[in-house]
Amino acid sequence: MDISDGGGLTGEAIPAEFAGRTFGELAARVKAESGRLLIGLLENTGQPLTIKRKALREAQKTANVGVLVENLRRVKELVANRPVLNPGDEYVIGTHARALVLPRGTPATSEAKR
C-alpha cells in the first residue's frame, strides 16, 4: 500500500443498523455506495472500561446460569481494538466495531505503479 497519496486504509464508523448483521452485507453496501473494498473490522473500539461495563450488563440479562457463566467469560476475554481481517461473509458485526476500508484504485494509478 502506498501511503503517499493519502488514500490508504481507513477505519470508519459502521451505521448502527449493521450491528448484528453480516460482514457480507456491509461489504456489499460499501462497494455499491463508493466502490471501496471492506477488508475487515476493528472490534471493541472506544473506551475499554465502558465497553466492558456495557458487555457485562448485557451478559447478566439471562436467568440461565450456564449461559451467564459463558457470557461472563466472553466479557473477561474482550480485547479492545481487536482487528478481524478478511472474515467470512457470514461473520456477524458486533456493536462498537469500525470498518477497515481501502479506497477504490483508479486504472491510471494502478497502471502507473506496474
PDB file of N, CA and C in Angstrom:
ATOM      1  N   MET A   1       0.844  -1.177   0.000  1.00  0.00           N
ATOM      2  CA  MET A   1       0.000   0.000   0.000  1.00  0.00           C
ATOM      3  C   MET A   1       0.885   1.235   0.000  1.00  0.00           C
ATOM      4  N   ASP A   2       0.528   2.177  -0.797  1.00  0.00           N
ATOM      5  CA  ASP A   2       1.270   3.425  -0.891  1.00  0.00           C
ATOM      6  C   ASP A   2       0.549   4.476  -0.063  1.00  0.00           C
ATOM      7  N   ILE A   3       1.181   4.940   1.024  1.00  0.00           N
ATOM      8  CA  ILE A   3       0.532   5.926   1.880  1.00  0.00           C
ATOM      9  C   ILE A   3       0.813   7.354   1.433  1.00  0.00           C
ATOM     10  N   SER A   4       1.627   7.534   0.395  1.00  0.00           N
ATOM     11  CA  SER A   4       1.981   8.884  -0.044  1.00  0.00           C
ATOM     12  C   SER A   4       0.823   9.619  -0.705  1.00  0.00           C
ATOM     13  N   ASP A   5      -0.167   8.905  -1.217  1.00  0.00           N
ATOM     14  CA  ASP A   5      -1.283   9.570  -1.882  1.00  0.00           C
ATOM     15  C   ASP A   5      -2.403   9.962  -0.921  1.00  0.00           C
ATOM     16  N   GLY A   6      -2.300   9.584   0.360  1.00  0.00           N
ATOM     17  CA  GLY A   6      -3.310   9.962   1.346  1.00  0.00           C
ATOM     18  C   GLY A   6      -4.600   9.167   1.232  1.00  0.00           C
ATOM     19  N   GLY A   7      -4.638   8.182   0.393  1.00  0.00           N
ATOM     20  CA  GLY A   7      -5.869   7.409   0.193  1.00  0.00           C
ATOM     21  C   GLY A   7      -5.726   5.981   0.660  1.00  0.00           C
ATOM     22  N   GLY A   8      -5.072   5.768   1.778  1.00  0.00           N
ATOM     23  CA  GLY A   8      -4.822   4.420   2.269  1.00  0.00           C
ATOM     24  C   GLY A   8      -5.951   3.866   3.111  1.00  0.00           C
ATOM     25  N   LEU A   9      -5.611   2.890   3.887  1.00  0.00           N
ATOM     26  CA  LEU A   9      -6.546   2.202   4.765  1.00  0.00           C
ATOM     27  C   LEU A   9      -7.158   3.179   5.762  1.00  0.00           C
ATOM     28  N   THR A  10      -8.483   3.103   5.924  1.00  0.00           N
ATOM     29  CA  THR A  10      -9.167   3.958   6.895  1.00  0.00           C
ATOM     30  C   THR A  10     -10.056   3.108   7.794  1.00  0.00           C
ATOM     31  N   GLY A  11     -10.235   3.585   9.009  1.00  0.00           N
ATOM     32  CA  GLY A  11     -11.181   2.978   9.936  1.00  0.00           C
ATOM     33  C   GLY A  11     -12.389   3.884  10.012  1.00  0.00           C
ATOM     34  N   GLU A  12     -13.551   3.380   9.670  1.00  0.00           N
ATOM     35  CA  GLU A  12     -14.750   4.210   9.571  1.00  0.00           C
ATOM     36  C   GLU A  12     -15.876   3.669  10.430  1.00  0.00           C
ATOM     37  N   ALA A  13     -16.717   4.584  10.880  1.00  0.00           N
ATOM     38  CA  ALA A  13     -17.884   4.197  11.668  1.00  0.00           C
ATOM     39  C   ALA A  13     -18.806   3.319  10.823  1.00  0.00           C
ATOM     40  N   ILE A  14     -19.416   2.354  11.473  1.00  0.00           N
ATOM     41  CA  ILE A  14     -20.377   1.477  10.817  1.00  0.00           C
ATOM     42  C   ILE A  14     -21.767   1.953  11.211  1.00  0.00           C
ATOM     43  N   PRO A  15     -22.677   2.120  10.247  1.00  0.00           N
ATOM     44  CA  PRO A  15     -24.044   2.529  10.602  1.00  0.00           C
ATOM     45  C   PRO A  15     -24.644   1.589  11.648  1.00  0.00           C
ATOM     46  N   ALA A  16     -25.343   2.153  12.608  1.00  0.00           N
ATOM     47  CA  ALA A  16     -25.905   1.385  13.731  1.00  0.00           C
ATOM     48  C   ALA A  16     -26.767   0.217  13.270  1.00  0.00           C
ATOM     49  N   GLU A  17     -27.453   0.349  12.145  1.00  0.00           N
ATOM     50  CA  GLU A  17     -28.336  -0.733  11.696  1.00  0.00           C
ATOM     51  C   GLU A  17     -27.571  -1.987  11.264  1.00  0.00           C
ATOM     52  N   PHE A  18     -26.239  -1.902  11.154  1.00  0.00           N
ATOM     53  CA  PHE A  18     -25.452  -3.071  10.767  1.00  0.00           C
ATOM     54  C   PHE A  18     -24.990  -3.900  11.955  1.00  0.00           C
ATOM     55  N   ALA A  19     -25.175  -3.424  13.180  1.00  0.00           N
ATOM     56  CA  ALA A  19     -24.844  -4.251  14.346  1.00  0.00           C
ATOM     57  C   ALA A  19     -25.774  -5.467  14.338  1.00  0.00           C
ATOM     58  N   GLY A  20     -25.189  -6.650  14.388  1.00  0.00           N
ATOM     59  CA  GLY A  20     -25.965  -7.882  14.340  1.00  0.00           C
ATOM     60  C   GLY A  20     -26.175  -8.411  12.930  1.00  0.00           C
ATOM     61  N   ARG A  21     -25.796  -7.638  11.916  1.00  0.00           N
ATOM     62  CA  ARG A  21     -25.881  -8.116  10.532  1.00  0.00           C
ATOM     63  C   ARG A  21     -24.524  -8.670  10.116  1.00  0.00           C
ATOM     64  N   THR A  22     -24.405  -9.117   8.884  1.00  0.00           N
ATOM     65  CA  THR A  22     -23.183  -9.811   8.479  1.00  0.00           C
ATOM     66  C   THR A  22     -22.181  -8.909   7.773  1.00  0.00           C
ATOM     67  N   PHE A  23     -20.929  -9.377   7.820  1.00  0.00           N
ATOM     68  CA  PHE A  23     -19.842  -8.698   7.126  1.00  0.00           C
ATOM     69  C   PHE A  23     -20.137  -8.614   5.626  1.00  0.00           C
ATOM     70  N   GLY A  24     -20.679  -9.674   5.060  1.00  0.00           N
ATOM     71  CA  GLY A  24     -21.002  -9.686   3.634  1.00  0.00           C
ATOM     72  C   GLY A  24     -21.993  -8.600   3.254  1.00  0.00           C
ATOM     73  N   GLU A  25     -22.999  -8.368   4.112  1.00  0.00           N
ATOM     74  CA  GLU A  25     -23.977  -7.303   3.844  1.00  0.00           C
ATOM     75  C   GLU A  25     -23.312  -5.926   3.852  1.00  0.00           C
ATOM     76  N   LEU A  26     -22.440  -5.711   4.846  1.00  0.00           N
ATOM     77  CA  LEU A  26     -21.750  -4.423   4.933  1.00  0.00           C
ATOM     78  C   LEU A  26     -20.791  -4.240   3.766  1.00  0.00           C
ATOM     79  N   ALA A  27     -20.067  -5.294   3.403  1.00  0.00           N
ATOM     80  CA  ALA A  27     -19.127  -5.219   2.279  1.00  0.00           C
ATOM     81  C   ALA A  27     -19.858  -4.867   0.984  1.00  0.00           C
ATOM     82  N   ALA A  28     -21.019  -5.472   0.772  1.00  0.00           N
ATOM     83  CA  ALA A  28     -21.802  -5.179  -0.434  1.00  0.00           C
ATOM     84  C   ALA A  28     -22.261  -3.728  -0.439  1.00  0.00           C
ATOM     85  N   ARG A  29     -22.673  -3.222   0.706  1.00  0.00           N
ATOM     86  CA  ARG A  29     -23.124  -1.822   0.772  1.00  0.00           C
ATOM     87  C   ARG A  29     -21.968  -0.856   0.516  1.00  0.00           C
ATOM     88  N   VAL A  30     -20.815  -1.099   1.129  1.00  0.00           N
ATOM     89  CA  VAL A  30     -19.652  -0.226   0.935  1.00  0.00           C
ATOM     90  C   VAL A  30     -19.256  -0.208  -0.538  1.00  0.00           C
ATOM     91  N   LYS A  31     -19.223  -1.379  -1.155  1.00  0.00           N
ATOM     92  CA  LYS A  31     -18.842  -1.468  -2.577  1.00  0.00           C
ATOM     93  C   LYS A  31     -19.867  -0.778  -3.469  1.00  0.00           C
ATOM     94  N   ALA A  32     -21.149  -0.973  -3.187  1.00  0.00           N
ATOM     95  CA  ALA A  32     -22.204  -0.365  -4.011  1.00  0.00           C
ATOM     96  C   ALA A  32     -22.215   1.156  -3.884  1.00  0.00           C
ATOM     97  N   GLU A  33     -21.992   1.663  -2.664  1.00  0.00           N
ATOM     98  CA  GLU A  33     -22.063   3.107  -2.453  1.00  0.00           C
ATOM     99  C   GLU A  33     -20.824   3.858  -2.936  1.00  0.00           C
ATOM    100  N   SER A  34     -19.647   3.242  -2.803  1.00  0.00           N
ATOM    101  CA  SER A  34     -18.428   4.001  -3.110  1.00  0.00           C
ATOM    102  C   SER A  34     -17.402   3.237  -3.931  1.00  0.00           C
ATOM    103  N   GLY A  35     -17.653   1.966  -4.182  1.00  0.00           N
ATOM    104  CA  GLY A  35     -16.696   1.159  -4.936  1.00  0.00           C
ATOM    105  C   GLY A  35     -15.467   0.777  -4.129  1.00  0.00           C
ATOM    106  N   ARG A  36     -15.464   1.081  -2.829  1.00  0.00           N
ATOM    107  CA  ARG A  36     -14.311   0.763  -1.993  1.00  0.00           C
ATOM    108  C   ARG A  36     -14.388  -0.681  -1.495  1.00  0.00           C
ATOM    109  N   LEU A  37     -13.270  -1.159  -0.959  1.00  0.00           N
ATOM    110  CA  LEU A  37     -13.158  -2.549  -0.530  1.00  0.00           C
ATOM    111  C   LEU A  37     -13.099  -2.631   0.987  1.00  0.00           C
ATOM    112  N   LEU A  38     -14.054  -3.340   1.569  1.00  0.00           N
ATOM    113  CA  LEU A  38     -14.071  -3.595   3.005  1.00  0.00           C
ATOM    114  C   LEU A  38     -13.183  -4.806   3.255  1.00  0.00           C
ATOM    115  N   ILE A  39     -12.093  -4.621   4.017  1.00  0.00           N
ATOM    116  CA  ILE A  39     -11.154  -5.727   4.230  1.00  0.00           C
ATOM    117  C   ILE A  39     -11.240  -6.337   5.626  1.00  0.00           C
ATOM    118  N   GLY A  40     -11.983  -5.690   6.521  1.00  0.00           N
ATOM    119  CA  GLY A  40     -12.097  -6.244   7.859  1.00  0.00           C
ATOM    120  C   GLY A  40     -12.793  -5.296   8.813  1.00  0.00           C
ATOM    121  N   LEU A  41     -12.705  -5.649  10.088  1.00  0.00           N
ATOM    122  CA  LEU A  41     -13.342  -4.873  11.152  1.00  0.00           C
ATOM    123  C   LEU A  41     -12.337  -4.636  12.267  1.00  0.00           C
ATOM    124  N   LEU A  42     -12.558  -3.579  12.997  1.00  0.00           N
ATOM    125  CA  LEU A  42     -11.837  -3.319  14.232  1.00  0.00           C
ATOM    126  C   LEU A  42     -12.889  -3.390  15.324  1.00  0.00           C
ATOM    127  N   GLU A  43     -12.830  -4.446  16.127  1.00  0.00           N
ATOM    128  CA  GLU A  43     -13.868  -4.683  17.134  1.00  0.00           C
ATOM    129  C   GLU A  43     -13.524  -4.046  18.471  1.00  0.00           C
ATOM    130  N   ASN A  44     -14.563  -3.766  19.245  1.00  0.00           N
ATOM    131  CA  ASN A  44     -14.435  -3.234  20.603  1.00  0.00           C
ATOM    132  C   ASN A  44     -13.674  -1.915  20.633  1.00  0.00           C
ATOM    133  N   THR A  45     -14.070  -0.995  19.760  1.00  0.00           N
ATOM    134  CA  THR A  45     -13.428   0.314  19.733  1.00  0.00           C
ATOM    135  C   THR A  45     -14.064   1.229  20.774  1.00  0.00           C
ATOM    136  N   GLY A  46     -13.320   2.187  21.216  1.00  0.00           N
ATOM    137  CA  GLY A  46     -13.803   3.118  22.226  1.00  0.00           C
ATOM    138  C   GLY A  46     -13.077   2.893  23.535  1.00  0.00           C
ATOM    139  N   GLN A  47     -13.645   3.397  24.603  1.00  0.00           N
ATOM    140  CA  GLN A  47     -13.047   3.252  25.933  1.00  0.00           C
ATOM    141  C   GLN A  47     -13.220   1.809  26.420  1.00  0.00           C
ATOM    142  N   PRO A  48     -12.128   1.102  26.667  1.00  0.00           N
ATOM    143  CA  PRO A  48     -12.229  -0.306  27.072  1.00  0.00           C
ATOM    144  C   PRO A  48     -13.103  -0.540  28.307  1.00  0.00           C
ATOM    145  N   LEU A  49     -12.977   0.304  29.312  1.00  0.00           N
ATOM    146  CA  LEU A  49     -13.761   0.119  30.532  1.00  0.00           C
ATOM    147  C   LEU A  49     -15.254   0.285  30.251  1.00  0.00           C
ATOM    148  N   THR A  50     -15.611   1.263  29.437  1.00  0.00           N
ATOM    149  CA  THR A  50     -17.012   1.496  29.077  1.00  0.00           C
ATOM    150  C   THR A  50     -17.572   0.316  28.297  1.00  0.00           C
ATOM    151  N   ILE A  51     -16.799  -0.200  27.363  1.00  0.00           N
ATOM    152  CA  ILE A  51     -17.240  -1.336  26.552  1.00  0.00           C
ATOM    153  C   ILE A  51     -17.454  -2.566  27.441  1.00  0.00           C
ATOM    154  N   LYS A  52     -16.531  -2.811  28.364  1.00  0.00           N
ATOM    155  CA  LYS A  52     -16.678  -3.970  29.251  1.00  0.00           C
ATOM    156  C   LYS A  52     -17.879  -3.818  30.175  1.00  0.00           C
ATOM    157  N   ARG A  53     -18.122  -2.619  30.653  1.00  0.00           N
ATOM    158  CA  ARG A  53     -19.292  -2.405  31.516  1.00  0.00           C
ATOM    159  C   ARG A  53     -20.586  -2.688  30.765  1.00  0.00           C
ATOM    160  N   LYS A  54     -20.679  -2.190  29.528  1.00  0.00           N
ATOM    161  CA  LYS A  54     -21.882  -2.444  28.718  1.00  0.00           C
ATOM    162  C   LYS A  54     -22.032  -3.936  28.431  1.00  0.00           C
ATOM    163  N   ALA A  55     -20.927  -4.584  28.105  1.00  0.00           N
ATOM    164  CA  ALA A  55     -20.962  -6.021  27.823  1.00  0.00           C
ATOM    165  C   ALA A  55     -21.365  -6.800  29.070  1.00  0.00           C
ATOM    166  N   LEU A  56     -20.899  -6.368  30.221  1.00  0.00           N
ATOM    167  CA  LEU A  56     -21.255  -7.026  31.480  1.00  0.00           C
ATOM    168  C   LEU A  56     -22.748  -6.903  31.766  1.00  0.00           C
ATOM    169  N   ARG A  57     -23.293  -5.713  31.538  1.00  0.00           N
ATOM    170  CA  ARG A  57     -24.743  -5.529  31.731  1.00  0.00           C
ATOM    171  C   ARG A  57     -25.535  -6.442  30.800  1.00  0.00           C
ATOM    172  N   GLU A  58     -25.117  -6.547  29.548  1.00  0.00           N
ATOM    173  CA  GLU A  58     -25.799  -7.426  28.591  1.00  0.00           C
ATOM    174  C   GLU A  58     -25.646  -8.888  28.987  1.00  0.00           C
ATOM    175  N   ALA A  59     -24.457  -9.250  29.454  1.00  0.00           N
ATOM    176  CA  ALA A  59     -24.184 -10.641  29.828  1.00  0.00           C
ATOM    177  C   ALA A  59     -25.068 -11.113  30.966  1.00  0.00           C
ATOM    178  N   GLN A  60     -25.454 -10.211  31.839  1.00  0.00           N
ATOM    179  CA  GLN A  60     -26.241 -10.571  33.015  1.00  0.00           C
ATOM    180  C   GLN A  60     -27.739 -10.663  32.734  1.00  0.00           C
ATOM    181  N   LYS A  61     -28.157 -10.430  31.516  1.00  0.00           N
ATOM    182  CA  LYS A  61     -29.583 -10.444  31.177  1.00  0.00           C
ATOM    183  C   LYS A  61     -30.074 -11.856  30.838  1.00  0.00           C
ATOM    184  N   THR A  62     -29.764 -12.800  31.673  1.00  0.00           N
ATOM    185  CA  THR A  62     -30.237 -14.165  31.478  1.00  0.00           C
ATOM    186  C   THR A  62     -30.457 -14.823  32.837  1.00  0.00           C
ATOM    187  N   ALA A  63     -31.428 -15.705  32.893  1.00  0.00           N
ATOM    188  CA  ALA A  63     -31.685 -16.459  34.123  1.00  0.00           C
ATOM    189  C   ALA A  63     -30.972 -17.804  34.101  1.00  0.00           C
ATOM    190  N   ASN A  64     -30.480 -18.204  32.932  1.00  0.00           N
ATOM    191  CA  ASN A  64     -29.793 -19.481  32.766  1.00  0.00           C
ATOM    192  C   ASN A  64     -28.353 -19.344  33.265  1.00  0.00           C
ATOM    193  N   VAL A  65     -27.990 -20.077  34.295  1.00  0.00           N
ATOM    194  CA  VAL A  65     -26.668 -19.969  34.909  1.00  0.00           C
ATOM    195  C   VAL A  65     -25.559 -20.367  33.933  1.00  0.00           C
ATOM    196  N   GLY A  66     -25.783 -21.395  33.140  1.00  0.00           N
ATOM    197  CA  GLY A  66     -24.786 -21.823  32.163  1.00  0.00           C
ATOM    198  C   GLY A  66     -24.493 -20.738  31.142  1.00  0.00           C
ATOM    199  N   VAL A  67     -25.546 -20.103  30.649  1.00  0.00           N
ATOM    200  CA  VAL A  67     -25.392 -19.011  29.686  1.00  0.00           C
ATOM    201  C   VAL A  67     -24.710 -17.818  30.353  1.00  0.00           C
ATOM    202  N   LEU A  68     -25.094 -17.536  31.589  1.00  0.00           N
ATOM    203  CA  LEU A  68     -24.492 -16.434  32.335  1.00  0.00           C
ATOM    204  C   LEU A  68     -22.988 -16.621  32.481  1.00  0.00           C
ATOM    205  N   VAL A  69     -22.562 -17.818  32.862  1.00  0.00           N
ATOM    206  CA  VAL A  69     -21.131 -18.097  33.024  1.00  0.00           C
ATOM    207  C   VAL A  69     -20.389 -17.916  31.704  1.00  0.00           C
ATOM    208  N   GLU A  70     -20.957 -18.422  30.612  1.00  0.00           N
ATOM    209  CA  GLU A  70     -20.336 -18.272  29.290  1.00  0.00           C
ATOM    210  C   GLU A  70     -20.263 -16.795  28.895  1.00  0.00           C
ATOM    211  N   ASN A  71     -21.323 -16.053  29.136  1.00  0.00           N
ATOM    212  CA  ASN A  71     -21.337 -14.617  28.826  1.00  0.00           C
ATOM    213  C   ASN A  71     -20.271 -13.865  29.618  1.00  0.00           C
ATOM    214  N   LEU A  72     -20.137 -14.195  30.886  1.00  0.00           N
ATOM    215  CA  LEU A  72     -19.136 -13.534  31.733  1.00  0.00           C
ATOM    216  C   LEU A  72     -17.717 -13.878  31.272  1.00  0.00           C
ATOM    217  N   ARG A  73     -17.516 -15.104  30.822  1.00  0.00           N
ATOM    218  CA  ARG A  73     -16.206 -15.487  30.275  1.00  0.00           C
ATOM    219  C   ARG A  73     -15.867 -14.639  29.054  1.00  0.00           C
ATOM    220  N   ARG A  74     -16.851 -14.429  28.177  1.00  0.00           N
ATOM    221  CA  ARG A  74     -16.632 -13.602  26.982  1.00  0.00           C
ATOM    222  C   ARG A  74     -16.283 -12.163  27.350  1.00  0.00           C
ATOM    223  N   VAL A  75     -16.955 -11.628  28.367  1.00  0.00           N
ATOM    224  CA  VAL A  75     -16.661 -10.257  28.807  1.00  0.00           C
ATOM    225  C   VAL A  75     -15.219 -10.173  29.306  1.00  0.00           C
ATOM    226  N   LYS A  76     -14.806 -11.164  30.073  1.00  0.00           N
ATOM    227  CA  LYS A  76     -13.443 -11.172  30.608  1.00  0.00           C
ATOM    228  C   LYS A  76     -12.410 -11.204  29.492  1.00  0.00           C
ATOM    229  N   GLU A  77     -12.719 -11.891  28.399  1.00  0.00           N
ATOM    230  CA  GLU A  77     -11.773 -12.057  27.298  1.00  0.00           C
ATOM    231  C   GLU A  77     -11.845 -10.952  26.246  1.00  0.00           C
ATOM    232  N   LEU A  78     -12.708  -9.954  26.443  1.00  0.00           N
ATOM    233  CA  LEU A  78     -12.806  -8.862  25.464  1.00  0.00           C
ATOM    234  C   LEU A  78     -11.462  -8.172  25.281  1.00  0.00           C
ATOM    235  N   VAL A  79     -11.089  -7.932  24.043  1.00  0.00           N
ATOM    236  CA  VAL A  79      -9.846  -7.242  23.712  1.00  0.00           C
ATOM    237  C   VAL A  79     -10.210  -5.966  22.980  1.00  0.00           C
ATOM    238  N   ALA A  80      -9.738  -4.837  23.497  1.00  0.00           N
ATOM    239  CA  ALA A  80     -10.029  -3.549  22.853  1.00  0.00           C
ATOM    240  C   ALA A  80      -9.297  -3.448  21.514  1.00  0.00           C
ATOM    241  N   ASN A  81      -9.970  -2.857  20.538  1.00  0.00           N
ATOM    242  CA  ASN A  81      -9.397  -2.596  19.207  1.00  0.00           C
ATOM    243  C   ASN A  81      -8.837  -3.861  18.554  1.00  0.00           C
ATOM    244  N   ARG A  82      -9.608  -4.918  18.617  1.00  0.00           N
ATOM    245  CA  ARG A  82      -9.179  -6.210  18.042  1.00  0.00           C
ATOM    246  C   ARG A  82      -9.457  -6.228  16.541  1.00  0.00           C
ATOM    247  N   PRO A  83      -8.402  -6.358  15.717  1.00  0.00           N
ATOM    248  CA  PRO A  83      -8.625  -6.422  14.270  1.00  0.00           C
ATOM    249  C   PRO A  83      -9.123  -7.802  13.842  1.00  0.00           C
ATOM    250  N   VAL A  84     -10.078  -7.811  12.941  1.00  0.00           N
ATOM    251  CA  VAL A  84     -10.573  -9.037  12.328  1.00  0.00           C
ATOM    252  C   VAL A  84     -10.463  -8.810  10.824  1.00  0.00           C
ATOM    253  N   LEU A  85      -9.432  -9.396  10.215  1.00  0.00           N
ATOM    254  CA  LEU A  85      -9.182  -9.173   8.801  1.00  0.00           C
ATOM    255  C   LEU A  85      -9.753 -10.294   7.953  1.00  0.00           C
ATOM    256  N   ASN A  86     -10.415  -9.891   6.878  1.00  0.00           N
ATOM    257  CA  ASN A  86     -10.968 -10.812   5.898  1.00  0.00           C
ATOM    258  C   ASN A  86     -11.833 -11.912   6.517  1.00  0.00           C
ATOM    259  N   PRO A  87     -12.809 -11.530   7.354  1.00  0.00           N
ATOM    260  CA  PRO A  87     -13.690 -12.568   7.900  1.00  0.00           C
ATOM    261  C   PRO A  87     -14.614 -13.082   6.794  1.00  0.00           C
ATOM    262  N   GLY A  88     -15.239 -14.193   7.022  1.00  0.00           N
ATOM    263  CA  GLY A  88     -16.191 -14.723   6.045  1.00  0.00           C
ATOM    264  C   GLY A  88     -17.413 -13.822   5.934  1.00  0.00           C
ATOM    265  N   ASP A  89     -18.143 -13.941   4.847  1.00  0.00           N
ATOM    266  CA  ASP A  89     -19.333 -13.120   4.627  1.00  0.00           C
ATOM    267  C   ASP A  89     -20.376 -13.310   5.720  1.00  0.00           C
ATOM    268  N   GLU A  90     -20.373 -14.454   6.392  1.00  0.00           N
ATOM    269  CA  GLU A  90     -21.374 -14.745   7.417  1.00  0.00           C
ATOM    270  C   GLU A  90     -20.985 -14.196   8.795  1.00  0.00           C
ATOM    271  N   TYR A  91     -19.784 -13.627   8.928  1.00  0.00           N
ATOM    272  CA  TYR A  91     -19.309 -13.092  10.217  1.00  0.00           C
ATOM    273  C   TYR A  91     -20.254 -11.993  10.696  1.00  0.00           C
ATOM    274  N   VAL A  92     -20.693 -12.074  11.939  1.00  0.00           N
ATOM    275  CA  VAL A  92     -21.667 -11.124  12.484  1.00  0.00           C
ATOM    276  C   VAL A  92     -20.946  -9.922  13.097  1.00  0.00           C
ATOM    277  N   ILE A  93     -21.395  -8.743  12.712  1.00  0.00           N
ATOM    278  CA  ILE A  93     -20.806  -7.487  13.190  1.00  0.00           C
ATOM    279  C   ILE A  93     -21.373  -7.158  14.564  1.00  0.00           C
ATOM    280  N   GLY A  94     -20.480  -6.909  15.505  1.00  0.00           N
ATOM    281  CA  GLY A  94     -20.898  -6.551  16.853  1.00  0.00           C
ATOM    282  C   GLY A  94     -21.034  -5.039  17.008  1.00  0.00           C
ATOM    283  N   THR A  95     -21.512  -4.630  18.162  1.00  0.00           N
ATOM    284  CA  THR A  95     -21.552  -3.205  18.461  1.00  0.00           C
ATOM    285  C   THR A  95     -20.128  -2.738  18.749  1.00  0.00           C
ATOM    286  N   HIS A  96     -19.880  -1.479  18.647  1.00  0.00           N
ATOM    287  CA  HIS A  96     -18.565  -0.880  18.898  1.00  0.00           C
ATOM    288  C   HIS A  96     -17.515  -1.364  17.908  1.00  0.00           C
ATOM    289  N   ALA A  97     -17.902  -1.646  16.681  1.00  0.00           N
ATOM    290  CA  ALA A  97     -16.952  -2.048  15.642  1.00  0.00           C
ATOM    291  C   ALA A  97     -16.786  -0.912  14.646  1.00  0.00           C
ATOM    292  N   ARG A  98     -15.634  -0.891  13.994  1.00  0.00           N
ATOM    293  CA  ARG A  98     -15.369   0.057  12.913  1.00  0.00           C
ATOM    294  C   ARG A  98     -14.984  -0.743  11.674  1.00  0.00           C
ATOM    295  N   ALA A  99     -15.265  -0.173  10.516  1.00  0.00           N
ATOM    296  CA  ALA A  99     -14.955  -0.826   9.251  1.00  0.00           C
ATOM    297  C   ALA A  99     -13.543  -0.455   8.809  1.00  0.00           C
ATOM    298  N   LEU A 100     -12.788  -1.429   8.332  1.00  0.00           N
ATOM    299  CA  LEU A 100     -11.469  -1.188   7.759  1.00  0.00           C
ATOM    300  C   LEU A 100     -11.628  -1.217   6.242  1.00  0.00           C
ATOM    301  N   VAL A 101     -11.418  -0.057   5.616  1.00  0.00           N
ATOM    302  CA  VAL A 101     -11.767   0.123   4.209  1.00  0.00           C
ATOM    303  C   VAL A 101     -10.567   0.624   3.417  1.00  0.00           C
ATOM    304  N   LEU A 102     -10.394   0.044   2.227  1.00  0.00           N
ATOM    305  CA  LEU A 102      -9.389   0.528   1.271  1.00  0.00           C
ATOM    306  C   LEU A 102     -10.099   1.324   0.185  1.00  0.00           C
ATOM    307  N   PRO A 103      -9.470   2.400  -0.292  1.00  0.00           N
ATOM    308  CA  PRO A 103     -10.101   3.194  -1.348  1.00  0.00           C
ATOM    309  C   PRO A 103     -10.113   2.429  -2.667  1.00  0.00           C
ATOM    310  N   ARG A 104     -10.952   2.891  -3.551  1.00  0.00           N
ATOM    311  CA  ARG A 104     -11.001   2.297  -4.887  1.00  0.00           C
ATOM    312  C   ARG A 104      -9.814   2.812  -5.678  1.00  0.00           C
ATOM    313  N   GLY A 105      -9.061   1.915  -6.267  1.00  0.00           N
ATOM    314  CA  GLY A 105      -7.927   2.313  -7.097  1.00  0.00           C
ATOM    315  C   GLY A 105      -8.408   2.776  -8.458  1.00  0.00           C
ATOM    316  N   THR A 106      -7.733   3.748  -9.017  1.00  0.00           N
ATOM    317  CA  THR A 106      -8.081   4.207 -10.358  1.00  0.00           C
ATOM    318  C   THR A 106      -7.208   3.466 -11.363  1.00  0.00           C
ATOM    319  N   PRO A 107      -7.711   3.171 -12.567  1.00  0.00           N
ATOM    320  CA  PRO A 107      -6.921   2.433 -13.546  1.00  0.00           C
ATOM    321  C   PRO A 107      -5.602   3.121 -13.867  1.00  0.00           C
ATOM    322  N   ALA A 108      -5.591   4.453 -13.965  1.00  0.00           N
ATOM    323  CA  ALA A 108      -4.364   5.174 -14.283  1.00  0.00           C
ATOM    324  C   ALA A 108      -3.325   4.970 -13.180  1.00  0.00           C
ATOM    325  N   THR A 109      -3.766   5.023 -11.942  1.00  0.00           N
ATOM    326  CA  THR A 109      -2.861   4.835 -10.807  1.00  0.00           C
ATOM    327  C   THR A 109      -2.340   3.407 -10.790  1.00  0.00           C
ATOM    328  N   SER A 110      -3.199   2.440 -11.017  1.00  0.00           N
ATOM    329  CA  SER A 110      -2.797   1.043 -10.990  1.00  0.00           C
ATOM    330  C   SER A 110      -1.810   0.731 -12.097  1.00  0.00           C
ATOM    331  N   GLU A 111      -2.028   1.254 -13.292  1.00  0.00           N
ATOM    332  CA  GLU A 111      -1.137   1.009 -14.415  1.00  0.00           C
ATOM    333  C   GLU A 111       0.214   1.656 -14.202  1.00  0.00           C
ATOM    334  N   ALA A 112       0.237   2.874 -13.640  1.00  0.00           N
ATOM    335  CA  ALA A 112       1.479   3.598 -13.434  1.00  0.00           C
ATOM    336  C   ALA A 112       2.381   2.888 -12.436  1.00  0.00           C
ATOM    337  N   LYS A 113       1.833   2.151 -11.517  1.00  0.00           N
ATOM    338  CA  LYS A 113       2.613   1.500 -10.474  1.00  0.00           C
ATOM    339  C   LYS A 113       3.187   0.163 -10.913  1.00  0.00           C
ATOM    340  N   ARG A 114       2.780  -0.348 -12.056  1.00  0.00           N
ATOM    341  CA  ARG A 114       3.268  -1.666 -12.518  1.00  0.00           C
ATOM    342  C   ARG A 114       4.634  -1.589 -13.070  1.00  0.00           C
TER     343      ARG A 114
END
